[in-house]
Amino acid sequence: MVRHKLFDAEYKFMCIIWDNEPINSTELSRISSKLLGWKKPTTYTMIRKLAEKELIVNENATVTAIVKREQVQKYESEQIIEKNFDGSLPTFLSAFLDNKKITKKEASELKRIIEEATK
């Protein structure tokens, strides 16, 4: 499992990679400039840092993610629940849904997820 905390900029950059991989580093720099306002050196520094963290690989100027978006989301969400809700999923859901309405479709999907998790 991924055990790296991604800072906001790293996560946004990883999203670009996930959405476009495999992607040429020059094209990644162009997209990062457009979406994040980054200059080319910033993009290449981030590529290097994420490669050092073993989150991506940069071979022959082609960048590919080693970890999947779902792995990062799972780790990040577990950390939020652990840190802010004493590890309690019901407490998290209660706080998240406080005074919010969800659709019947969303409720049905949540029920399905809970049923699968309890098998």
Protein backbone atom coordinates (compact mmCIF):
# COMPACT_ATOMS: atom_id res chain seq x y z
CA MET A 1 0.00 0.00 0.00
CA VAL A 2 1.09 3.55 -0.64
CA ARG A 3 2.55 5.09 2.50
CA HIS A 4 3.49 8.47 1.15
CA LYS A 5 1.70 11.63 2.08
CA LEU A 6 1.08 13.60 -1.09
CA PHE A 7 0.98 17.34 -0.78
CA ASP A 8 -1.72 19.16 -2.74
CA ALA A 9 0.60 20.08 -5.62
CA GLU A 10 1.89 16.51 -5.83
CA TYR A 11 -1.65 15.13 -5.90
CA LYS A 12 -2.74 17.55 -8.63
CA PHE A 13 0.33 16.64 -10.66
CA MET A 14 -0.30 12.92 -10.15
CA CYS A 15 -3.89 13.43 -11.36
CA ILE A 16 -2.52 14.83 -14.63
CA ILE A 17 -0.28 11.79 -14.95
CA TRP A 18 -3.08 9.34 -14.14
CA ASP A 19 -5.40 11.02 -16.64
CA ASN A 20 -2.83 10.97 -19.45
CA GLU A 21 -0.39 8.12 -18.85
CA PRO A 22 1.82 7.08 -20.38
CA ILE A 23 2.76 10.66 -21.16
CA ASN A 24 5.81 12.26 -22.68
CA SER A 25 7.56 14.55 -20.17
CA THR A 26 7.44 17.48 -22.64
CA GLU A 27 3.68 17.06 -23.01
CA LEU A 28 3.37 16.72 -19.23
CA SER A 29 5.23 20.00 -18.87
CA ARG A 30 2.87 21.67 -21.34
CA ILE A 31 -0.24 20.40 -19.53
CA SER A 32 1.22 21.38 -16.14
CA SER A 33 1.84 24.87 -17.43
CA LYS A 34 -1.74 25.14 -18.63
CA LEU A 35 -3.48 23.57 -15.62
CA LEU A 36 -1.14 24.42 -12.75
CA GLY A 37 0.70 27.49 -14.02
CA TRP A 38 4.04 25.73 -13.65
CA LYS A 39 7.19 26.51 -15.57
CA LYS A 40 9.16 23.68 -17.19
CA PRO A 41 11.80 23.43 -14.40
CA THR A 42 9.05 23.04 -11.79
CA THR A 43 7.52 20.17 -13.72
CA TYR A 44 10.86 18.40 -14.11
CA THR A 45 11.68 18.88 -10.44
CA MET A 46 8.33 17.32 -9.52
CA ILE A 47 8.96 14.41 -11.89
CA ARG A 48 12.30 13.80 -10.19
CA LYS A 49 10.85 14.03 -6.66
CA LEU A 50 7.95 11.70 -7.38
CA ALA A 51 10.31 9.23 -9.06
CA GLU A 52 12.51 9.33 -5.94
CA LYS A 53 9.43 8.53 -3.85
CA GLU A 54 8.80 5.62 -6.22
CA LEU A 55 5.37 6.93 -7.20
CA ILE A 56 6.20 7.34 -10.90
CA VAL A 57 8.78 6.14 -13.38
CA ASN A 58 10.37 8.30 -16.06
CA GLU A 59 11.91 6.14 -18.77
CA ASN A 60 13.01 7.58 -22.10
CA ALA A 61 11.09 10.79 -21.32
CA THR A 62 7.87 8.83 -20.80
CA VAL A 63 6.21 9.22 -17.42
CA THR A 64 4.03 6.46 -15.99
CA ALA A 65 2.53 6.07 -12.52
CA ILE A 66 3.72 3.18 -10.38
CA VAL A 67 0.87 3.63 -7.91
CA LYS A 68 -2.76 3.89 -8.88
CA ARG A 69 -5.06 6.76 -7.99
CA GLU A 70 -7.23 4.41 -5.93
CA GLN A 71 -4.26 3.40 -3.76
CA VAL A 72 -3.49 7.02 -2.94
CA GLN A 73 -7.14 7.86 -2.30
CA LYS A 74 -7.49 4.86 0.01
CA TYR A 75 -4.42 5.81 2.02
CA GLU A 76 -5.37 9.50 2.22
CA SER A 77 -8.95 8.76 3.28
CA GLU A 78 -7.79 6.27 5.92
CA GLN A 79 -5.43 8.91 7.31
CA ILE A 80 -8.21 11.51 7.50
CA ILE A 81 -10.54 9.11 9.32
CA GLU A 82 -7.78 8.00 11.69
CA LYS A 83 -6.57 11.52 12.46
CA ASN A 84 -9.84 13.43 12.64
CA PHE A 85 -12.40 10.79 13.65
CA ASP A 86 -10.40 8.44 15.89
CA GLY A 87 -10.55 5.79 13.18
CA SER A 88 -14.35 5.63 13.30
CA LEU A 89 -16.02 5.34 9.91
CA PRO A 90 -19.52 5.84 11.39
CA THR A 91 -18.36 9.06 13.09
CA PHE A 92 -16.88 10.26 9.81
CA LEU A 93 -20.06 9.47 7.87
CA SER A 94 -22.21 11.15 10.51
CA ALA A 95 -20.11 14.30 10.33
CA PHE A 96 -19.94 14.20 6.53
CA LEU A 97 -23.68 13.72 6.08
CA ASP A 98 -24.77 16.17 8.79
CA ASN A 99 -27.72 18.13 7.35
CA LYS A 100 -27.01 16.83 3.83
CA LYS A 101 -29.42 14.90 1.73
CA ILE A 102 -28.27 12.07 -0.48
CA THR A 103 -30.14 10.59 -3.39
CA LYS A 104 -31.74 7.17 -3.28
CA LYS A 105 -29.13 6.04 -5.79
CA GLU A 106 -26.30 7.22 -3.51
CA ALA A 107 -27.93 5.54 -0.50
CA SER A 108 -28.29 2.32 -2.46
CA GLU A 109 -24.63 2.45 -3.50
CA LEU A 110 -23.53 3.02 0.10
CA LYS A 111 -25.65 0.07 1.25
CA ARG A 112 -24.08 -2.13 -1.44
CA ILE A 113 -20.56 -1.08 -0.38
CA ILE A 114 -21.32 -1.80 3.29
CA GLU A 115 -22.84 -5.19 2.47
CA GLU A 116 -19.78 -6.17 0.43
CA ALA A 117 -17.45 -5.04 3.23
CA THR A 118 -19.26 -7.17 5.82
CA LYS A 119 -19.08 -10.42 3.82
